[in-house]
Amino acid sequence: MTGIVVSFLLPVMNFVGLIMAIVILIKQFKHGGALQGILGIITCTFWTFIWGWIKHKSLQLTKLMVVWTVVSVVPLLLIPVMGAAMFGDILKIMGDVTGDPNLVKQYQQEATAAVKDRKAAPARRAKRTVKKAPARNNTDYTAAALALWQEGEYSNPNKAKKYWDNTIAANPQLAEAYNNRGLALYNLRQHERAIADFSMAIQIKPQYAAAYNNRGNAYYALDQYQQAEADFNQSLQLNPKYAKAHLNRGLALFQMEKITESCSDFKRACDLGDCDGLQWAMQKGMCKQ
């Protein structure tokens, strides 16, 4: 919202500033002579601005000069505000690529196969996936960890990590457990450790598209955009209809200033049902429908 307001105010103030500059420049020609006016033009009205303040009392220019000063200074103050607002918009869209647990609300719900069917029967699924360990203990640990997954993040990532530690100790070849522990570490902003877990999940299960996407998110959080893009590429090779991977790759490409390719991914993600990235990019004037 802040970005929209600032985006509206900046051109309005620039237009008003231009009008003020023209008005004062005309008065400079009229009262200061051609030489003063030409000097104002050569200096892009910088000298006109100074001259206006020098003459503001004698020529009754005070109100005009105050307006010109305000519309010249305020945009300079709004630029960092707009930049911060734009960055905030990116974070809201990125969700699961920022590493901020408060923002991981929407996109990670499809990031892991071990969690996305949690509402159906987490305990039953735990019994199905944890086969090598004593059924009661591992089911308890896995179901308890899944119960902490709420709206795209762990409500208590430290506790979730401990549960997955126990599951992995009992069954070290369970790819989903490494992936889910990686998500807990990601929520804790321990991105390098999360990458190690996602990598282990991929080693055990090479066709694990969600683990590639999650590892790409962790690389993104470390500003390693090329590695992130490579993982999103692999995720999409395994699952071309993975909307979140298209969105995430679009964000990585945006950070690398590959705007055209970024827009293509945002549009593909929208075709697959996730239009947030495209809407944001269109709002910023970077992509067209």
Protein backbone atom coordinates (compact mmCIF):
# COMPACT_ATOMS: atom_id res chain seq x y z
CA MET A 1 0.00 0.00 0.00
CA THR A 2 2.83 2.39 0.88
CA GLY A 3 4.47 1.74 -2.47
CA ILE A 4 1.23 2.61 -4.32
CA VAL A 5 0.83 5.91 -2.44
CA VAL A 6 4.45 6.88 -3.01
CA SER A 7 4.26 5.87 -6.68
CA PHE A 8 1.30 8.26 -7.05
CA LEU A 9 2.85 11.15 -5.12
CA LEU A 10 6.21 11.20 -6.90
CA PRO A 11 4.95 12.03 -10.42
CA VAL A 12 2.46 14.57 -9.03
CA MET A 13 5.19 16.40 -7.12
CA ASN A 14 7.55 16.25 -10.08
CA PHE A 15 4.85 17.79 -12.28
CA VAL A 16 4.15 20.57 -9.77
CA GLY A 17 7.90 21.18 -9.46
CA LEU A 18 8.17 21.51 -13.24
CA ILE A 19 5.35 24.08 -13.30
CA MET A 20 6.99 26.07 -10.50
CA ALA A 21 10.33 26.00 -12.32
CA ILE A 22 8.75 27.32 -15.52
CA VAL A 23 6.89 30.10 -13.67
CA ILE A 24 10.03 31.28 -11.82
CA LEU A 25 12.12 30.98 -14.99
CA ILE A 26 9.70 33.28 -16.83
CA LYS A 27 9.96 35.81 -14.01
CA GLN A 28 13.73 35.47 -14.13
CA PHE A 29 13.75 36.41 -17.82
CA LYS A 30 11.33 39.26 -17.14
CA HIS A 31 13.00 40.79 -14.09
CA GLY A 32 16.58 39.55 -14.33
CA GLY A 33 17.15 39.83 -18.03
CA ALA A 34 18.03 37.38 -20.80
CA LEU A 35 21.44 36.52 -19.34
CA GLN A 36 19.91 35.45 -16.03
CA GLY A 37 17.23 33.42 -17.80
CA ILE A 38 19.72 31.67 -20.08
CA LEU A 39 21.91 30.88 -17.09
CA GLY A 40 18.86 29.34 -15.42
CA ILE A 41 18.23 27.14 -18.46
CA ILE A 42 21.89 26.09 -18.75
CA THR A 43 21.93 25.02 -15.09
CA CYS A 44 18.64 23.12 -15.50
CA THR A 45 16.86 25.74 -13.33
CA PHE A 46 19.31 25.25 -10.45
CA TRP A 47 20.35 28.90 -10.71
CA THR A 48 16.70 29.82 -11.20
CA PHE A 49 15.93 28.19 -7.86
CA ILE A 50 18.71 30.15 -6.11
CA TRP A 51 17.71 33.38 -7.87
CA GLY A 52 14.09 32.87 -6.81
CA TRP A 53 15.02 32.72 -3.16
CA ILE A 54 17.30 35.76 -3.52
CA LYS A 55 14.46 37.77 -5.06
CA HIS A 56 11.51 36.18 -3.25
CA LYS A 57 10.78 39.22 -1.05
CA SER A 58 11.25 41.97 -3.59
CA LEU A 59 9.27 40.12 -6.28
CA GLN A 60 6.75 38.50 -3.91
CA LEU A 61 7.81 34.97 -4.85
CA THR A 62 7.81 33.52 -1.34
CA LYS A 63 4.77 31.25 -1.72
CA LEU A 64 5.90 29.97 -5.11
CA MET A 65 9.38 29.26 -3.80
CA VAL A 66 8.06 27.43 -0.74
CA VAL A 67 5.92 25.19 -2.97
CA TRP A 68 8.84 24.56 -5.33
CA THR A 69 11.13 23.74 -2.41
CA VAL A 70 8.64 21.31 -0.87
CA VAL A 71 7.96 19.42 -4.10
CA SER A 72 11.69 19.25 -4.77
CA VAL A 73 12.75 18.00 -1.34
CA VAL A 74 9.91 15.61 -0.47
CA PRO A 75 10.53 13.25 -3.44
CA LEU A 76 14.12 12.86 -2.28
CA LEU A 77 12.79 11.74 1.10
CA LEU A 78 10.23 9.42 -0.48
CA ILE A 79 12.72 7.52 -2.65
CA PRO A 80 14.08 5.37 0.20
CA VAL A 81 10.53 4.88 1.47
CA MET A 82 9.48 3.60 -1.93
CA GLY A 83 12.50 1.34 -2.08
CA ALA A 84 11.68 -0.12 1.32
CA ALA A 85 8.03 -0.60 0.34
CA MET A 86 9.05 -2.35 -2.86
CA PHE A 87 11.37 -4.62 -0.90
CA GLY A 88 8.54 -5.35 1.50
CA ASP A 89 6.27 -6.29 -1.42
CA ILE A 90 8.93 -8.70 -2.65
CA LEU A 91 9.11 -10.32 0.76
CA LYS A 92 5.35 -10.76 0.90
CA ILE A 93 5.32 -12.44 -2.49
CA MET A 94 8.37 -14.55 -1.87
CA GLY A 95 7.13 -15.94 1.42
CA ASP A 96 9.10 -19.15 1.52
CA VAL A 97 12.25 -17.68 -0.04
CA THR A 98 12.86 -14.98 2.53
CA GLY A 99 13.75 -17.03 5.56
CA ASP A 100 11.42 -14.91 7.70
CA PRO A 101 9.13 -17.25 9.70
CA ASN A 102 6.50 -14.51 9.93
CA LEU A 103 6.21 -14.34 6.15
CA VAL A 104 6.22 -18.04 5.36
CA LYS A 105 2.44 -18.21 5.47
CA GLN A 106 1.25 -19.24 2.05
CA TYR A 107 3.69 -20.77 -0.36
CA GLN A 108 5.36 -23.56 1.57
CA GLN A 109 2.12 -25.51 1.94
CA GLU A 110 2.98 -27.28 -1.29
CA ALA A 111 6.73 -27.32 -0.71
CA THR A 112 6.91 -30.76 0.88
CA ALA A 113 5.11 -33.98 0.08
CA ALA A 114 5.35 -35.08 3.70
CA VAL A 115 3.21 -32.18 4.86
CA LYS A 116 0.76 -31.30 2.10
CA ASP A 117 -1.60 -34.17 2.98
CA ARG A 118 -1.34 -33.54 6.71
CA LYS A 119 -5.06 -32.78 7.10
CA ALA A 120 -6.10 -36.18 5.77
CA ALA A 121 -4.48 -38.49 8.31
CA PRO A 122 -1.08 -37.47 9.69
CA ALA A 123 -0.83 -40.41 12.07
CA ARG A 124 -1.78 -42.91 9.37
CA ARG A 125 0.72 -41.36 6.96
CA ALA A 126 3.41 -41.50 9.62
CA LYS A 127 2.82 -45.25 10.02
CA ARG A 128 3.07 -45.67 6.26
CA THR A 129 6.33 -43.72 5.80
CA VAL A 130 8.17 -44.73 8.97
CA LYS A 131 8.46 -48.47 8.42
CA LYS A 132 11.84 -49.47 9.78
CA ALA A 133 11.48 -48.10 13.31
CA PRO A 134 9.18 -49.12 16.16
CA ALA A 135 5.76 -48.03 14.96
CA ARG A 136 4.51 -46.38 18.14
CA ASN A 137 7.52 -44.12 18.82
CA ASN A 138 8.09 -42.97 15.26
CA THR A 139 4.42 -42.36 14.62
CA ASP A 140 4.31 -40.22 17.73
CA TYR A 141 7.35 -38.16 16.69
CA THR A 142 6.23 -37.70 13.09
CA ALA A 143 2.61 -36.93 13.92
CA ALA A 144 3.74 -34.49 16.61
CA ALA A 145 6.00 -32.70 14.14
CA LEU A 146 3.26 -32.52 11.50
CA ALA A 147 0.87 -31.11 14.09
CA LEU A 148 3.21 -28.13 14.48
CA TRP A 149 2.88 -27.24 10.77
CA GLN A 150 0.37 -24.40 10.60
CA GLU A 151 -0.37 -22.13 7.64
CA GLY A 152 2.91 -22.76 5.86
CA GLU A 153 5.39 -22.81 8.76
CA TYR A 154 6.21 -24.58 12.01
CA SER A 155 4.61 -22.90 15.01
CA ASN A 156 7.57 -24.15 17.05
CA PRO A 157 10.44 -24.94 14.64
CA ASN A 158 12.83 -25.87 17.46
CA LYS A 159 10.45 -28.52 18.73
CA ALA A 160 9.69 -29.69 15.18
CA LYS A 161 13.40 -30.12 14.53
CA LYS A 162 13.76 -32.31 17.62
CA TYR A 163 10.87 -34.50 16.48
CA TRP A 164 12.43 -34.93 13.04
CA ASP A 165 15.79 -35.63 14.69
CA ASN A 166 14.17 -38.60 16.43
CA THR A 167 12.48 -39.78 13.24
CA ILE A 168 15.75 -39.60 11.30
CA ALA A 169 17.62 -41.40 14.07
CA ALA A 170 15.15 -44.26 13.76
CA ASN A 171 14.99 -44.21 9.95
CA PRO A 172 18.00 -42.43 8.37
CA GLN A 173 16.79 -43.22 4.83
CA LEU A 174 13.50 -41.33 5.04
CA ALA A 175 13.83 -38.48 2.54
CA GLU A 176 10.67 -36.71 3.73
CA ALA A 177 12.05 -36.46 7.26
CA TYR A 178 15.21 -34.71 6.04
CA ASN A 179 13.12 -32.39 3.89
CA ASN A 180 10.84 -31.50 6.79
CA ARG A 181 13.71 -30.98 9.20
CA GLY A 182 15.21 -28.73 6.54
CA LEU A 183 12.02 -26.66 6.61
CA ALA A 184 12.29 -26.36 10.39
CA LEU A 185 15.89 -25.18 10.05
CA TYR A 186 14.77 -22.80 7.32
CA ASN A 187 12.16 -21.34 9.69
CA LEU A 188 14.99 -20.88 12.18
CA ARG A 189 17.00 -19.05 9.49
CA GLN A 190 19.71 -21.69 9.66
CA HIS A 191 19.87 -21.76 5.89
CA GLU A 192 23.16 -23.60 5.40
CA ARG A 193 22.04 -26.43 7.68
CA ALA A 194 18.70 -26.47 5.87
CA ILE A 195 20.56 -26.86 2.56
CA ALA A 196 22.43 -29.86 3.99
CA ASP A 197 19.12 -31.53 4.92
CA PHE A 198 17.48 -30.77 1.59
CA SER A 199 20.57 -32.15 -0.16
CA MET A 200 20.31 -35.34 1.89
CA ALA A 201 16.65 -35.69 0.95
CA ILE A 202 17.61 -35.32 -2.72
CA GLN A 203 20.42 -37.85 -2.36
CA ILE A 204 17.98 -40.40 -0.95
CA LYS A 205 15.18 -39.49 -3.37
CA PRO A 206 16.62 -37.93 -6.57
CA GLN A 207 13.15 -37.27 -8.05
CA TYR A 208 12.07 -35.15 -5.06
CA ALA A 209 10.90 -31.94 -6.79
CA ALA A 210 9.80 -30.25 -3.55
CA ALA A 211 13.23 -30.75 -1.96
CA TYR A 212 14.90 -29.06 -4.94
CA ASN A 213 12.46 -26.16 -4.63
CA ASN A 214 13.12 -25.87 -0.89
CA ARG A 215 16.87 -25.96 -1.36
CA GLY A 216 16.52 -23.27 -4.00
CA ASN A 217 14.64 -21.15 -1.46
CA ALA A 218 17.46 -21.58 1.05
CA TYR A 219 20.06 -20.57 -1.54
CA TYR A 220 17.89 -17.54 -2.36
CA ALA A 221 17.85 -16.54 1.31
CA LEU A 222 21.67 -16.56 1.18
CA ASP A 223 21.63 -14.34 -1.95
CA GLN A 224 23.07 -17.21 -4.00
CA TYR A 225 20.71 -16.64 -6.90
CA GLN A 226 22.46 -18.75 -9.54
CA GLN A 227 22.41 -21.83 -7.29
CA ALA A 228 18.78 -21.07 -6.48
CA GLU A 229 17.90 -20.86 -10.18
CA ALA A 230 19.65 -24.18 -10.85
CA ASP A 231 17.58 -25.90 -8.15
CA PHE A 232 14.33 -24.35 -9.37
CA ASN A 233 15.25 -25.54 -12.88
CA GLN A 234 15.69 -29.08 -11.59
CA SER A 235 12.45 -28.91 -9.62
CA LEU A 236 10.57 -27.82 -12.74
CA GLN A 237 12.25 -30.47 -14.85
CA LEU A 238 10.80 -33.04 -12.45
CA ASN A 239 7.44 -31.27 -12.17
CA PRO A 240 6.80 -28.71 -14.97
CA LYS A 241 3.46 -27.74 -13.40
CA TYR A 242 4.97 -26.78 -10.04
CA ALA A 243 3.55 -23.23 -9.73
CA LYS A 244 5.60 -22.23 -6.69
CA ALA A 245 8.85 -23.29 -8.38
CA HIS A 246 7.96 -21.06 -11.36
CA LEU A 247 7.22 -18.19 -8.97
CA ASN A 248 10.45 -18.73 -7.03
CA ARG A 249 12.56 -18.99 -10.17
CA GLY A 250 10.96 -15.79 -11.42
CA LEU A 251 12.05 -14.04 -8.24
CA ALA A 252 15.60 -15.37 -8.56
CA LEU A 253 15.75 -14.19 -12.17
CA PHE A 254 14.43 -10.80 -11.08
CA GLN A 255 17.29 -10.49 -8.58
CA MET A 256 19.73 -11.25 -11.42
CA GLU A 257 18.04 -8.50 -13.52
CA LYS A 258 16.73 -11.00 -16.08
CA ILE A 259 13.40 -9.23 -16.24
CA THR A 260 12.02 -10.81 -19.44
CA GLU A 261 12.68 -14.35 -18.21
CA SER A 262 11.35 -13.39 -14.79
CA CYS A 263 8.07 -12.21 -16.30
CA SER A 264 7.75 -15.45 -18.26
CA ASP A 265 7.98 -17.45 -15.05
CA PHE A 266 5.49 -15.18 -13.26
CA LYS A 267 3.05 -15.64 -16.16
CA ARG A 268 3.53 -19.41 -16.15
CA ALA A 269 2.94 -19.50 -12.39
CA CYS A 270 -0.25 -17.50 -12.93
CA ASP A 271 -1.39 -19.93 -15.63
CA LEU A 272 -0.95 -22.67 -13.03
CA GLY A 273 -3.00 -20.79 -10.44
CA ASP A 274 -0.53 -18.57 -8.58
CA CYS A 275 -0.83 -14.99 -9.87
CA ASP A 276 0.68 -13.07 -6.95
CA GLY A 277 4.09 -12.68 -8.59
CA LEU A 278 2.64 -11.49 -11.89
CA GLN A 279 0.29 -9.02 -10.18
CA TRP A 280 3.19 -7.58 -8.19
CA ALA A 281 5.41 -7.31 -11.27
CA MET A 282 2.63 -5.64 -13.28
CA GLN A 283 1.96 -3.20 -10.45
CA LYS A 284 5.64 -2.21 -10.54
CA GLY A 285 5.52 -1.83 -14.33
CA MET A 286 8.02 -4.64 -14.94
CA CYS A 287 5.71 -7.09 -16.72
CA LYS A 288 2.78 -6.75 -19.07
CA GLN A 289 -0.20 -9.07 -19.29
